[in-house]
Full PDB file with SEQRES, HELIX, SHEET, SSBOND, CRYST1, ORIGX, SCALE, CONECT and MASTER records, all heavy atoms in Angstrom:
SEQRES   1 A   44  CYS HIS ILE ASN LEU ILE PRO VAL ASN ASP VAL LYS GLU          
SEQRES   2 A   44  ARG GLY ASN ILE ARG SER SER ASN GLU THR ILE LEU LYS          
SEQRES   3 A   44  PHE SER ASN VAL LEU LYS ARG ASN GLY ILE ASN ALA THR          
SEQRES   4 A   44  ILE ARG ARG THR LEU                                          
HELIX    1 AA1 ASN A   21  ARG A   33  1                                  13    
SHEET    1 AA1 2 ILE A   3  LEU A   5  0                                        
SHEET    2 AA1 2 ALA A  38  ILE A  40  1                                        
CRYST1    1.000    1.000    1.000  90.00  90.00  90.00 P 1           1          
ORIGX1      1.000000  0.000000  0.000000        0.00000                         
ORIGX2      0.000000  1.000000  0.000000        0.00000                         
ORIGX3      0.000000  0.000000  1.000000        0.00000                         
SCALE1      1.000000  0.000000  0.000000        0.00000                         
SCALE2      0.000000  1.000000  0.000000        0.00000                         
SCALE3      0.000000  0.000000  1.000000        0.00000                         
ATOM      1  N   CYS A   1     -13.141   0.712 -11.021  1.00  0.00           N  
ATOM      2  CA  CYS A   1     -12.734   0.765  -9.668  1.00  0.00           C  
ATOM      3  C   CYS A   1     -11.369   1.544  -9.587  1.00  0.00           C  
ATOM      4  O   CYS A   1     -10.716   1.823 -10.514  1.00  0.00           O  
ATOM      5  CB  CYS A   1     -12.563  -0.656  -9.069  1.00  0.00           C  
ATOM      6  SG  CYS A   1     -11.183  -1.610  -9.743  1.00  0.00           S  
ATOM      7  N   HIS A   2     -11.023   1.792  -8.348  1.00  0.00           N  
ATOM      8  CA  HIS A   2      -9.720   2.381  -8.016  1.00  0.00           C  
ATOM      9  C   HIS A   2      -9.283   1.765  -6.710  1.00  0.00           C  
ATOM     10  O   HIS A   2     -10.108   1.487  -5.797  1.00  0.00           O  
ATOM     11  CB  HIS A   2      -9.872   3.939  -7.842  1.00  0.00           C  
ATOM     12  CG  HIS A   2      -8.697   4.608  -7.304  1.00  0.00           C  
ATOM     13  ND1 HIS A   2      -8.564   4.912  -5.950  1.00  0.00           N  
ATOM     14  CD2 HIS A   2      -7.545   5.088  -7.896  1.00  0.00           C  
ATOM     15  CE1 HIS A   2      -7.372   5.507  -5.761  1.00  0.00           C  
ATOM     16  NE2 HIS A   2      -6.800   5.626  -6.904  1.00  0.00           N  
ATOM     17  N   ILE A   3      -7.960   1.654  -6.520  1.00  0.00           N  
ATOM     18  CA  ILE A   3      -7.436   1.042  -5.285  1.00  0.00           C  
ATOM     19  C   ILE A   3      -6.553   2.021  -4.569  1.00  0.00           C  
ATOM     20  O   ILE A   3      -5.645   2.662  -5.136  1.00  0.00           O  
ATOM     21  CB  ILE A   3      -6.613  -0.212  -5.578  1.00  0.00           C  
ATOM     22  CG1 ILE A   3      -7.442  -1.335  -6.248  1.00  0.00           C  
ATOM     23  CG2 ILE A   3      -5.946  -0.717  -4.297  1.00  0.00           C  
ATOM     24  CD1 ILE A   3      -6.723  -2.565  -6.499  1.00  0.00           C  
ATOM     25  N   ASN A   4      -6.849   2.226  -3.241  1.00  0.00           N  
ATOM     26  CA  ASN A   4      -6.042   2.990  -2.406  1.00  0.00           C  
ATOM     27  C   ASN A   4      -5.150   2.009  -1.553  1.00  0.00           C  
ATOM     28  O   ASN A   4      -5.701   1.268  -0.807  1.00  0.00           O  
ATOM     29  CB  ASN A   4      -6.890   3.844  -1.408  1.00  0.00           C  
ATOM     30  CG  ASN A   4      -7.275   5.161  -1.966  1.00  0.00           C  
ATOM     31  OD1 ASN A   4      -6.503   5.915  -2.512  1.00  0.00           O  
ATOM     32  ND2 ASN A   4      -8.586   5.507  -1.899  1.00  0.00           N  
ATOM     33  N   LEU A   5      -3.860   2.112  -1.782  1.00  0.00           N  
ATOM     34  CA  LEU A   5      -2.924   1.233  -1.075  1.00  0.00           C  
ATOM     35  C   LEU A   5      -2.529   2.019   0.203  1.00  0.00           C  
ATOM     36  O   LEU A   5      -2.090   3.179   0.187  1.00  0.00           O  
ATOM     37  CB  LEU A   5      -1.654   0.936  -1.896  1.00  0.00           C  
ATOM     38  CG  LEU A   5      -1.976   0.143  -3.114  1.00  0.00           C  
ATOM     39  CD1 LEU A   5      -0.694   0.001  -4.007  1.00  0.00           C  
ATOM     40  CD2 LEU A   5      -2.613  -1.241  -2.831  1.00  0.00           C  
ATOM     41  N   ILE A   6      -2.670   1.436   1.338  1.00  0.00           N  
ATOM     42  CA  ILE A   6      -2.484   2.032   2.642  1.00  0.00           C  
ATOM     43  C   ILE A   6      -1.368   1.217   3.465  1.00  0.00           C  
ATOM     44  O   ILE A   6      -1.671   0.113   3.885  1.00  0.00           O  
ATOM     45  CB  ILE A   6      -3.732   2.072   3.459  1.00  0.00           C  
ATOM     46  CG1 ILE A   6      -4.918   2.727   2.623  1.00  0.00           C  
ATOM     47  CG2 ILE A   6      -3.515   2.830   4.790  1.00  0.00           C  
ATOM     48  CD1 ILE A   6      -6.296   2.563   3.303  1.00  0.00           C  
ATOM     49  N   PRO A   7      -0.198   1.845   3.645  1.00  0.00           N  
ATOM     50  CA  PRO A   7       0.734   1.161   4.500  1.00  0.00           C  
ATOM     51  C   PRO A   7       0.134   1.062   5.857  1.00  0.00           C  
ATOM     52  O   PRO A   7      -0.413   2.047   6.472  1.00  0.00           O  
ATOM     53  CB  PRO A   7       1.957   2.119   4.514  1.00  0.00           C  
ATOM     54  CG  PRO A   7       1.779   2.931   3.345  1.00  0.00           C  
ATOM     55  CD  PRO A   7       0.327   3.078   3.066  1.00  0.00           C  
ATOM     56  N   VAL A   8       0.144  -0.164   6.544  1.00  0.00           N  
ATOM     57  CA  VAL A   8      -0.526  -0.345   7.807  1.00  0.00           C  
ATOM     58  C   VAL A   8       0.007   0.587   8.830  1.00  0.00           C  
ATOM     59  O   VAL A   8       1.261   0.807   8.937  1.00  0.00           O  
ATOM     60  CB  VAL A   8      -0.462  -1.809   8.288  1.00  0.00           C  
ATOM     61  CG1 VAL A   8       0.962  -2.195   8.712  1.00  0.00           C  
ATOM     62  CG2 VAL A   8      -1.442  -2.100   9.387  1.00  0.00           C  
ATOM     63  N   ASN A   9      -0.904   1.202   9.606  1.00  0.00           N  
ATOM     64  CA  ASN A   9      -0.487   2.150  10.665  1.00  0.00           C  
ATOM     65  C   ASN A   9      -0.353   1.427  11.984  1.00  0.00           C  
ATOM     66  O   ASN A   9      -1.033   0.401  12.251  1.00  0.00           O  
ATOM     67  CB  ASN A   9      -1.470   3.337  10.783  1.00  0.00           C  
ATOM     68  CG  ASN A   9      -1.459   4.200   9.552  1.00  0.00           C  
ATOM     69  OD1 ASN A   9      -0.389   4.723   9.185  1.00  0.00           O  
ATOM     70  ND2 ASN A   9      -2.535   4.271   8.822  1.00  0.00           N  
ATOM     71  N   ASP A  10       0.478   1.958  12.850  1.00  0.00           N  
ATOM     72  CA  ASP A  10       0.793   1.297  14.104  1.00  0.00           C  
ATOM     73  C   ASP A  10      -0.387   1.256  15.049  1.00  0.00           C  
ATOM     74  O   ASP A  10      -0.970   2.342  15.350  1.00  0.00           O  
ATOM     75  CB  ASP A  10       2.012   1.957  14.767  1.00  0.00           C  
ATOM     76  CG  ASP A  10       2.384   1.266  16.071  1.00  0.00           C  
ATOM     77  OD1 ASP A  10       2.615   0.074  16.038  1.00  0.00           O  
ATOM     78  OD2 ASP A  10       2.363   1.978  17.142  1.00  0.00           O  
ATOM     79  N   VAL A  11      -0.738   0.123  15.471  1.00  0.00           N  
ATOM     80  CA  VAL A  11      -1.661  -0.111  16.585  1.00  0.00           C  
ATOM     81  C   VAL A  11      -1.013  -1.039  17.573  1.00  0.00           C  
ATOM     82  O   VAL A  11      -0.769  -2.255  17.199  1.00  0.00           O  
ATOM     83  CB  VAL A  11      -3.053  -0.690  16.129  1.00  0.00           C  
ATOM     84  CG1 VAL A  11      -3.978  -0.963  17.304  1.00  0.00           C  
ATOM     85  CG2 VAL A  11      -3.712   0.226  15.144  1.00  0.00           C  
ATOM     86  N   LYS A  12      -0.536  -0.597  18.752  1.00  0.00           N  
ATOM     87  CA  LYS A  12       0.359  -1.277  19.587  1.00  0.00           C  
ATOM     88  C   LYS A  12      -0.140  -2.716  19.923  1.00  0.00           C  
ATOM     89  O   LYS A  12       0.618  -3.650  20.099  1.00  0.00           O  
ATOM     90  CB  LYS A  12       0.670  -0.492  20.796  1.00  0.00           C  
ATOM     91  CG  LYS A  12      -0.468  -0.176  21.737  1.00  0.00           C  
ATOM     92  CD  LYS A  12      -0.011   0.616  22.939  1.00  0.00           C  
ATOM     93  CE  LYS A  12      -1.189   0.983  23.836  1.00  0.00           C  
ATOM     94  NZ  LYS A  12      -0.786   1.782  25.001  1.00  0.00           N  
ATOM     95  N   GLU A  13      -1.457  -2.799  20.106  1.00  0.00           N  
ATOM     96  CA  GLU A  13      -2.072  -4.069  20.504  1.00  0.00           C  
ATOM     97  C   GLU A  13      -2.044  -5.114  19.406  1.00  0.00           C  
ATOM     98  O   GLU A  13      -2.271  -6.321  19.621  1.00  0.00           O  
ATOM     99  CB  GLU A  13      -3.519  -3.932  20.986  1.00  0.00           C  
ATOM    100  CG  GLU A  13      -3.614  -3.069  22.282  1.00  0.00           C  
ATOM    101  CD  GLU A  13      -3.844  -1.593  21.965  1.00  0.00           C  
ATOM    102  OE1 GLU A  13      -3.516  -1.160  20.843  1.00  0.00           O  
ATOM    103  OE2 GLU A  13      -4.404  -0.923  22.813  1.00  0.00           O  
ATOM    104  N   ARG A  14      -1.884  -4.702  18.168  1.00  0.00           N  
ATOM    105  CA  ARG A  14      -2.022  -5.553  17.019  1.00  0.00           C  
ATOM    106  C   ARG A  14      -0.750  -6.172  16.541  1.00  0.00           C  
ATOM    107  O   ARG A  14      -0.687  -7.311  16.079  1.00  0.00           O  
ATOM    108  CB  ARG A  14      -2.690  -4.774  15.821  1.00  0.00           C  
ATOM    109  CG  ARG A  14      -4.059  -4.277  16.064  1.00  0.00           C  
ATOM    110  CD  ARG A  14      -5.026  -5.387  16.437  1.00  0.00           C  
ATOM    111  NE  ARG A  14      -6.415  -5.043  16.326  1.00  0.00           N  
ATOM    112  CZ  ARG A  14      -7.390  -5.829  16.695  1.00  0.00           C  
ATOM    113  NH1 ARG A  14      -7.123  -7.017  17.152  1.00  0.00           N  
ATOM    114  NH2 ARG A  14      -8.653  -5.404  16.608  1.00  0.00           N  
ATOM    115  N   GLY A  15       0.340  -5.477  16.582  1.00  0.00           N  
ATOM    116  CA  GLY A  15       1.644  -6.032  16.212  1.00  0.00           C  
ATOM    117  C   GLY A  15       1.904  -6.230  14.705  1.00  0.00           C  
ATOM    118  O   GLY A  15       2.798  -6.942  14.333  1.00  0.00           O  
ATOM    119  N   ASN A  16       1.065  -5.585  13.914  1.00  0.00           N  
ATOM    120  CA  ASN A  16       1.245  -5.700  12.504  1.00  0.00           C  
ATOM    121  C   ASN A  16       2.453  -4.838  12.090  1.00  0.00           C  
ATOM    122  O   ASN A  16       2.723  -3.761  12.624  1.00  0.00           O  
ATOM    123  CB  ASN A  16       0.037  -5.197  11.678  1.00  0.00           C  
ATOM    124  CG  ASN A  16      -1.124  -6.107  11.873  1.00  0.00           C  
ATOM    125  OD1 ASN A  16      -1.018  -7.353  11.745  1.00  0.00           O  
ATOM    126  ND2 ASN A  16      -2.246  -5.573  12.186  1.00  0.00           N  
ATOM    127  N   ILE A  17       3.211  -5.305  11.031  1.00  0.00           N  
ATOM    128  CA  ILE A  17       4.398  -4.598  10.651  1.00  0.00           C  
ATOM    129  C   ILE A  17       4.142  -4.007   9.200  1.00  0.00           C  
ATOM    130  O   ILE A  17       3.619  -4.632   8.334  1.00  0.00           O  
ATOM    131  CB  ILE A  17       5.603  -5.550  10.528  1.00  0.00           C  
ATOM    132  CG1 ILE A  17       5.876  -6.169  11.944  1.00  0.00           C  
ATOM    133  CG2 ILE A  17       6.862  -4.833  10.032  1.00  0.00           C  
ATOM    134  CD1 ILE A  17       6.941  -7.239  11.915  1.00  0.00           C  
ATOM    135  N   ARG A  18       4.469  -2.709   9.093  1.00  0.00           N  
ATOM    136  CA  ARG A  18       4.292  -1.971   7.806  1.00  0.00           C  
ATOM    137  C   ARG A  18       5.188  -2.573   6.744  1.00  0.00           C  
ATOM    138  O   ARG A  18       6.389  -2.909   6.988  1.00  0.00           O  
ATOM    139  CB  ARG A  18       4.707  -0.551   8.057  1.00  0.00           C  
ATOM    140  CG  ARG A  18       4.511   0.350   6.871  1.00  0.00           C  
ATOM    141  CD  ARG A  18       5.180   1.710   7.206  1.00  0.00           C  
ATOM    142  NE  ARG A  18       4.886   2.797   6.221  1.00  0.00           N  
ATOM    143  CZ  ARG A  18       5.549   2.956   5.093  1.00  0.00           C  
ATOM    144  NH1 ARG A  18       6.581   2.133   4.804  1.00  0.00           N  
ATOM    145  NH2 ARG A  18       5.267   3.892   4.240  1.00  0.00           N  
ATOM    146  N   SER A  19       4.692  -2.768   5.570  1.00  0.00           N  
ATOM    147  CA  SER A  19       5.479  -3.182   4.409  1.00  0.00           C  
ATOM    148  C   SER A  19       6.502  -2.132   4.085  1.00  0.00           C  
ATOM    149  O   SER A  19       6.297  -0.905   4.360  1.00  0.00           O  
ATOM    150  CB  SER A  19       4.593  -3.448   3.197  1.00  0.00           C  
ATOM    151  OG  SER A  19       3.572  -4.401   3.469  1.00  0.00           O  
ATOM    152  N   SER A  20       7.588  -2.512   3.517  1.00  0.00           N  
ATOM    153  CA  SER A  20       8.694  -1.583   3.171  1.00  0.00           C  
ATOM    154  C   SER A  20       8.216  -0.754   1.935  1.00  0.00           C  
ATOM    155  O   SER A  20       7.288  -1.102   1.181  1.00  0.00           O  
ATOM    156  CB  SER A  20       9.925  -2.299   2.747  1.00  0.00           C  
ATOM    157  OG  SER A  20       9.716  -3.018   1.570  1.00  0.00           O  
ATOM    158  N   ASN A  21       8.806   0.416   1.797  1.00  0.00           N  
ATOM    159  CA  ASN A  21       8.468   1.309   0.683  1.00  0.00           C  
ATOM    160  C   ASN A  21       8.717   0.640  -0.652  1.00  0.00           C  
ATOM    161  O   ASN A  21       7.929   0.791  -1.574  1.00  0.00           O  
ATOM    162  CB  ASN A  21       9.315   2.598   0.725  1.00  0.00           C  
ATOM    163  CG  ASN A  21       8.890   3.469   1.920  1.00  0.00           C  
ATOM    164  OD1 ASN A  21       7.777   3.373   2.390  1.00  0.00           O  
ATOM    165  ND2 ASN A  21       9.795   4.353   2.301  1.00  0.00           N  
ATOM    166  N   GLU A  22       9.774  -0.181  -0.712  1.00  0.00           N  
ATOM    167  CA  GLU A  22      10.059  -0.940  -1.944  1.00  0.00           C  
ATOM    168  C   GLU A  22       8.949  -1.932  -2.286  1.00  0.00           C  
ATOM    169  O   GLU A  22       8.482  -2.012  -3.418  1.00  0.00           O  
ATOM    170  CB  GLU A  22      11.386  -1.640  -1.816  1.00  0.00           C  
ATOM    171  CG  GLU A  22      11.771  -2.461  -3.037  1.00  0.00           C  
ATOM    172  CD  GLU A  22      13.058  -3.220  -2.887  1.00  0.00           C  
ATOM    173  OE1 GLU A  22      13.651  -3.189  -1.722  1.00  0.00           O  
ATOM    174  OE2 GLU A  22      13.548  -3.852  -3.853  1.00  0.00           O  
ATOM    175  N   THR A  23       8.449  -2.644  -1.222  1.00  0.00           N  
ATOM    176  CA  THR A  23       7.367  -3.571  -1.439  1.00  0.00           C  
ATOM    177  C   THR A  23       6.157  -2.934  -1.836  1.00  0.00           C  
ATOM    178  O   THR A  23       5.430  -3.423  -2.784  1.00  0.00           O  
ATOM    179  CB  THR A  23       7.197  -4.429  -0.131  1.00  0.00           C  
ATOM    180  OG1 THR A  23       8.381  -5.122   0.182  1.00  0.00           O  
ATOM    181  CG2 THR A  23       6.043  -5.375  -0.304  1.00  0.00           C  
ATOM    182  N   ILE A  24       5.795  -1.820  -1.198  1.00  0.00           N  
ATOM    183  CA  ILE A  24       4.600  -1.096  -1.522  1.00  0.00           C  
ATOM    184  C   ILE A  24       4.592  -0.603  -2.967  1.00  0.00           C  
ATOM    185  O   ILE A  24       3.645  -0.726  -3.778  1.00  0.00           O  
ATOM    186  CB  ILE A  24       4.431   0.116  -0.577  1.00  0.00           C  
ATOM    187  CG1 ILE A  24       4.150  -0.371   0.793  1.00  0.00           C  
ATOM    188  CG2 ILE A  24       3.249   1.033  -1.048  1.00  0.00           C  
ATOM    189  CD1 ILE A  24       4.258   0.715   1.907  1.00  0.00           C  
ATOM    190  N   LEU A  25       5.768  -0.026  -3.392  1.00  0.00           N  
ATOM    191  CA  LEU A  25       5.885   0.401  -4.817  1.00  0.00           C  
ATOM    192  C   LEU A  25       5.812  -0.734  -5.837  1.00  0.00           C  
ATOM    193  O   LEU A  25       5.151  -0.644  -6.855  1.00  0.00           O  
ATOM    194  CB  LEU A  25       7.224   1.126  -4.972  1.00  0.00           C  
ATOM    195  CG  LEU A  25       7.465   1.795  -6.287  1.00  0.00           C  
ATOM    196  CD1 LEU A  25       6.335   2.873  -6.520  1.00  0.00           C  
ATOM    197  CD2 LEU A  25       8.905   2.465  -6.322  1.00  0.00           C  
ATOM    198  N   LYS A  26       6.427  -1.856  -5.476  1.00  0.00           N  
ATOM    199  CA  LYS A  26       6.227  -3.052  -6.390  1.00  0.00           C  
ATOM    200  C   LYS A  26       4.809  -3.489  -6.538  1.00  0.00           C  
ATOM    201  O   LYS A  26       4.369  -3.845  -7.600  1.00  0.00           O  
ATOM    202  CB  LYS A  26       7.185  -4.172  -5.838  1.00  0.00           C  
ATOM    203  CG  LYS A  26       8.615  -4.068  -6.067  1.00  0.00           C  
ATOM    204  CD  LYS A  26       9.370  -5.315  -5.533  1.00  0.00           C  
ATOM    205  CE  LYS A  26      10.874  -5.157  -5.792  1.00  0.00           C  
ATOM    206  NZ  LYS A  26      11.645  -6.362  -5.269  1.00  0.00           N  
ATOM    207  N   PHE A  27       4.090  -3.554  -5.347  1.00  0.00           N  
ATOM    208  CA  PHE A  27       2.749  -3.933  -5.404  1.00  0.00           C  
ATOM    209  C   PHE A  27       1.881  -2.996  -6.314  1.00  0.00           C  
ATOM    210  O   PHE A  27       1.093  -3.439  -7.082  1.00  0.00           O  
ATOM    211  CB  PHE A  27       2.207  -3.824  -3.944  1.00  0.00           C  
ATOM    212  CG  PHE A  27       0.916  -4.639  -3.740  1.00  0.00           C  
ATOM    213  CD1 PHE A  27       0.939  -5.899  -3.128  1.00  0.00           C  
ATOM    214  CD2 PHE A  27      -0.320  -4.156  -4.096  1.00  0.00           C  
ATOM    215  CE1 PHE A  27      -0.199  -6.634  -2.891  1.00  0.00           C  
ATOM    216  CE2 PHE A  27      -1.425  -4.843  -3.792  1.00  0.00           C  
ATOM    217  CZ  PHE A  27      -1.424  -6.049  -3.244  1.00  0.00           C  
ATOM    218  N   SER A  28       2.120  -1.682  -6.077  1.00  0.00           N  
ATOM    219  CA  SER A  28       1.433  -0.716  -6.937  1.00  0.00           C  
ATOM    220  C   SER A  28       1.752  -0.852  -8.436  1.00  0.00           C  
ATOM    221  O   SER A  28       0.842  -0.822  -9.219  1.00  0.00           O  
ATOM    222  CB  SER A  28       1.844   0.684  -6.441  1.00  0.00           C  
ATOM    223  OG  SER A  28       1.231   1.738  -7.245  1.00  0.00           O  
ATOM    224  N   ASN A  29       2.973  -1.086  -8.750  1.00  0.00           N  
ATOM    225  CA  ASN A  29       3.404  -1.253 -10.122  1.00  0.00           C  
ATOM    226  C   ASN A  29       2.780  -2.468 -10.752  1.00  0.00           C  
ATOM    227  O   ASN A  29       2.410  -2.451 -11.932  1.00  0.00           O  
ATOM    228  CB  ASN A  29       4.949  -1.218 -10.219  1.00  0.00           C  
ATOM    229  CG  ASN A  29       5.565   0.123  -9.970  1.00  0.00           C  
ATOM    230  OD1 ASN A  29       4.849   1.143 -10.129  1.00  0.00           O  
ATOM    231  ND2 ASN A  29       6.815   0.099  -9.657  1.00  0.00           N  
ATOM    232  N   VAL A  30       2.683  -3.591 -10.045  1.00  0.00           N  
ATOM    233  CA  VAL A  30       2.068  -4.740 -10.554  1.00  0.00           C  
ATOM    234  C   VAL A  30       0.602  -4.477 -10.934  1.00  0.00           C  
ATOM    235  O   VAL A  30       0.094  -4.882 -12.008  1.00  0.00           O  
ATOM    236  CB  VAL A  30       2.137  -5.955  -9.538  1.00  0.00           C  
ATOM    237  CG1 VAL A  30       1.284  -7.089  -9.981  1.00  0.00           C  
ATOM    238  CG2 VAL A  30       3.599  -6.419  -9.403  1.00  0.00           C  
ATOM    239  N   LEU A  31      -0.085  -3.824 -10.033  1.00  0.00           N  
ATOM    240  CA  LEU A  31      -1.517  -3.452 -10.287  1.00  0.00           C  
ATOM    241  C   LEU A  31      -1.626  -2.609 -11.582  1.00  0.00           C  
ATOM    242  O   LEU A  31      -2.405  -2.844 -12.495  1.00  0.00           O  
ATOM    243  CB  LEU A  31      -2.127  -2.719  -9.118  1.00  0.00           C  
ATOM    244  CG  LEU A  31      -2.313  -3.508  -7.844  1.00  0.00           C  
ATOM    245  CD1 LEU A  31      -2.825  -2.584  -6.756  1.00  0.00           C  
ATOM    246  CD2 LEU A  31      -3.256  -4.709  -8.068  1.00  0.00           C  
ATOM    247  N   LYS A  32      -0.796  -1.555 -11.684  1.00  0.00           N  
ATOM    248  CA  LYS A  32      -0.891  -0.658 -12.821  1.00  0.00           C  
ATOM    249  C   LYS A  32      -0.513  -1.355 -14.140  1.00  0.00           C  
ATOM    250  O   LYS A  32      -1.162  -1.115 -15.183  1.00  0.00           O  
ATOM    251  CB  LYS A  32       0.110   0.526 -12.569  1.00  0.00           C  
ATOM    252  CG  LYS A  32      -0.361   1.494 -11.466  1.00  0.00           C  
ATOM    253  CD  LYS A  32       0.645   2.551 -11.158  1.00  0.00           C  
ATOM    254  CE  LYS A  32       0.205   3.424 -10.032  1.00  0.00           C  
ATOM    255  NZ  LYS A  32       1.164   4.511  -9.677  1.00  0.00           N  
ATOM    256  N   ARG A  33       0.513  -2.244 -14.100  1.00  0.00           N  
ATOM    257  CA  ARG A  33       0.883  -2.978 -15.315  1.00  0.00           C  
ATOM    258  C   ARG A  33      -0.300  -3.869 -15.769  1.00  0.00           C  
ATOM    259  O   ARG A  33      -0.358  -4.178 -16.984  1.00  0.00           O  
ATOM    260  CB  ARG A  33       2.123  -3.829 -15.085  1.00  0.00           C  
ATOM    261  CG  ARG A  33       3.423  -3.044 -15.054  1.00  0.00           C  
ATOM    262  CD  ARG A  33       4.579  -3.968 -15.256  1.00  0.00           C  
ATOM    263  NE  ARG A  33       4.640  -5.039 -14.207  1.00  0.00           N  
ATOM    264  CZ  ARG A  33       5.317  -4.915 -13.087  1.00  0.00           C  
ATOM    265  NH1 ARG A  33       6.013  -3.778 -12.754  1.00  0.00           N  
ATOM    266  NH2 ARG A  33       5.386  -5.951 -12.235  1.00  0.00           N  
ATOM    267  N   ASN A  34      -1.150  -4.210 -14.866  1.00  0.00           N  
ATOM    268  CA  ASN A  34      -2.281  -5.110 -15.204  1.00  0.00           C  
ATOM    269  C   ASN A  34      -3.626  -4.297 -15.360  1.00  0.00           C  
ATOM    270  O   ASN A  34      -4.661  -4.876 -15.266  1.00  0.00           O  
ATOM    271  CB  ASN A  34      -2.412  -6.214 -14.129  1.00  0.00           C  
ATOM    272  CG  ASN A  34      -1.311  -7.292 -14.335  1.00  0.00           C  
ATOM    273  OD1 ASN A  34      -1.489  -8.242 -15.053  1.00  0.00           O  
ATOM    274  ND2 ASN A  34      -0.224  -7.091 -13.569  1.00  0.00           N  
ATOM    275  N   GLY A  35      -3.465  -3.014 -15.529  1.00  0.00           N  
ATOM    276  CA  GLY A  35      -4.640  -2.177 -15.891  1.00  0.00           C  
ATOM    277  C   GLY A  35      -5.538  -1.786 -14.752  1.00  0.00           C  
ATOM    278  O   GLY A  35      -6.610  -1.341 -14.951  1.00  0.00           O  
ATOM    279  N   ILE A  36      -4.983  -1.835 -13.523  1.00  0.00           N  
ATOM    280  CA  ILE A  36      -5.759  -1.465 -12.356  1.00  0.00           C  
ATOM    281  C   ILE A  36      -5.234  -0.057 -11.810  1.00  0.00           C  
ATOM    282  O   ILE A  36      -4.054   0.116 -11.548  1.00  0.00           O  
ATOM    283  CB  ILE A  36      -5.655  -2.446 -11.179  1.00  0.00           C  
ATOM    284  CG1 ILE A  36      -6.086  -3.821 -11.714  1.00  0.00           C  
ATOM    285  CG2 ILE A  36      -6.518  -2.007 -10.055  1.00  0.00           C  
ATOM    286  CD1 ILE A  36      -7.519  -3.926 -12.155  1.00  0.00           C  
ATOM    287  N   ASN A  37      -6.140   0.890 -11.735  1.00  0.00           N  
ATOM    288  CA  ASN A  37      -5.834   2.268 -11.205  1.00  0.00           C  
ATOM    289  C   ASN A  37      -5.507   2.170  -9.751  1.00  0.00           C  
ATOM    290  O   ASN A  37      -6.367   1.773  -8.961  1.00  0.00           O  
ATOM    291  CB  ASN A  37      -6.920   3.229 -11.510  1.00  0.00           C  
ATOM    292  CG  ASN A  37      -6.606   4.605 -11.209  1.00  0.00           C  
ATOM    293  OD1 ASN A  37      -5.494   4.914 -10.896  1.00  0.00           O  
ATOM    294  ND2 ASN A  37      -7.614   5.465 -11.370  1.00  0.00           N  
ATOM    295  N   ALA A  38      -4.377   2.570  -9.350  1.00  0.00           N  
ATOM    296  CA  ALA A  38      -3.985   2.422  -7.942  1.00  0.00           C  
ATOM    297  C   ALA A  38      -3.149   3.661  -7.489  1.00  0.00           C  
ATOM    298  O   ALA A  38      -2.292   4.176  -8.222  1.00  0.00           O  
ATOM    299  CB  ALA A  38      -3.103   1.176  -7.658  1.00  0.00           C  
ATOM    300  N   THR A  39      -3.283   4.089  -6.235  1.00  0.00           N  
ATOM    301  CA  THR A  39      -2.515   5.153  -5.692  1.00  0.00           C  
ATOM    302  C   THR A  39      -2.123   4.698  -4.230  1.00  0.00           C  
ATOM    303  O   THR A  39      -2.797   3.886  -3.614  1.00  0.00           O  
ATOM    304  CB  THR A  39      -3.243   6.477  -5.580  1.00  0.00           C  
ATOM    305  OG1 THR A  39      -4.477   6.314  -4.827  1.00  0.00           O  
ATOM    306  CG2 THR A  39      -3.549   7.030  -6.977  1.00  0.00           C  
ATOM    307  N   ILE A  40      -0.976   5.282  -3.772  1.00  0.00           N  
ATOM    308  CA  ILE A  40      -0.471   4.992  -2.409  1.00  0.00           C  
ATOM    309  C   ILE A  40      -0.914   6.161  -1.532  1.00  0.00           C  
ATOM    310  O   ILE A  40      -0.609   7.321  -1.826  1.00  0.00           O  
ATOM    311  CB  ILE A  40       1.038   4.870  -2.440  1.00  0.00           C  
ATOM    312  CG1 ILE A  40       1.429   3.692  -3.330  1.00  0.00           C  
ATOM    313  CG2 ILE A  40       1.500   4.650  -0.973  1.00  0.00           C  
ATOM    314  CD1 ILE A  40       2.966   3.618  -3.549  1.00  0.00           C  
ATOM    315  N   ARG A  41      -1.709   5.861  -0.575  1.00  0.00           N  
ATOM    316  CA  ARG A  41      -2.325   6.922   0.245  1.00  0.00           C  
ATOM    317  C   ARG A  41      -1.233   7.578   1.120  1.00  0.00           C  
ATOM    318  O   ARG A  41      -0.487   6.968   1.793  1.00  0.00           O  
ATOM    319  CB  ARG A  41      -3.498   6.374   1.118  1.00  0.00           C  
ATOM    320  CG  ARG A  41      -4.111   7.485   2.016  1.00  0.00           C  
ATOM    321  CD  ARG A  41      -5.252   6.958   2.774  1.00  0.00           C  
ATOM    322  NE  ARG A  41      -6.421   6.622   1.944  1.00  0.00           N  
ATOM    323  CZ  ARG A  41      -7.505   6.065   2.374  1.00  0.00           C  
ATOM    324  NH1 ARG A  41      -7.643   5.815   3.664  1.00  0.00           N  
ATOM    325  NH2 ARG A  41      -8.499   5.717   1.527  1.00  0.00           N  
ATOM    326  N   ARG A  42      -1.299   8.948   1.138  1.00  0.00           N  
ATOM    327  CA  ARG A  42      -0.411   9.661   2.020  1.00  0.00           C  
ATOM    328  C   ARG A  42      -0.907   9.554   3.481  1.00  0.00           C  
ATOM    329  O   ARG A  42      -2.068   9.709   3.808  1.00  0.00           O  
ATOM    330  CB  ARG A  42      -0.442  11.183   1.550  1.00  0.00           C  
ATOM    331  CG  ARG A  42       0.467  12.066   2.389  1.00  0.00           C  
ATOM    332  CD  ARG A  42       0.643  13.374   1.629  1.00  0.00           C  
ATOM    333  NE  ARG A  42      -0.649  14.146   1.413  1.00  0.00           N  
ATOM    334  CZ  ARG A  42      -0.992  15.191   2.099  1.00  0.00           C  
ATOM    335  NH1 ARG A  42      -0.191  15.667   3.011  1.00  0.00           N  
ATOM    336  NH2 ARG A  42      -2.131  15.762   1.812  1.00  0.00           N  
ATOM    337  N   THR A  43       0.030   9.334   4.380  1.00  0.00           N  
ATOM    338  CA  THR A  43      -0.333   9.218   5.810  1.00  0.00           C  
ATOM    339  C   THR A  43      -0.369  10.563   6.463  1.00  0.00           C  
ATOM    340  O   THR A  43       0.533  11.400   6.310  1.00  0.00           O  
ATOM    341  CB  THR A  43       0.706   8.348   6.590  1.00  0.00           C  
ATOM    342  OG1 THR A  43       0.738   7.012   5.988  1.00  0.00           O  
ATOM    343  CG2 THR A  43       0.429   8.304   8.024  1.00  0.00           C  
ATOM    344  N   LEU A  44      -1.537  10.878   7.095  1.00  0.00           N  
ATOM    345  CA  LEU A  44      -1.712  12.167   7.776  1.00  0.00           C  
ATOM    346  C   LEU A  44      -1.978  11.926   9.253  1.00  0.00           C  
ATOM    347  O   LEU A  44      -2.642  10.884   9.639  1.00  0.00           O  
ATOM    348  CB  LEU A  44      -2.903  12.914   7.164  1.00  0.00           C  
ATOM    349  CG  LEU A  44      -2.787  13.349   5.732  1.00  0.00           C  
ATOM    350  CD1 LEU A  44      -4.083  14.010   5.263  1.00  0.00           C  
ATOM    351  CD2 LEU A  44      -1.640  14.351   5.579  1.00  0.00           C  
TER     352      LEU A  44                                                      
MASTER        0    0    0    1    2    0    0    6  351    1    0    4          
END                                                                             
């Protein structure tokens, strides 16, 4: 498998808050250290 990490995008009705860049990077590094292939998706 492979994991695409996606910072949540704004949907005004939902009110979800995007994780910080630091948190996203830490999350990715934990996965990689444990043998899981992960990338952070670029927002377009």
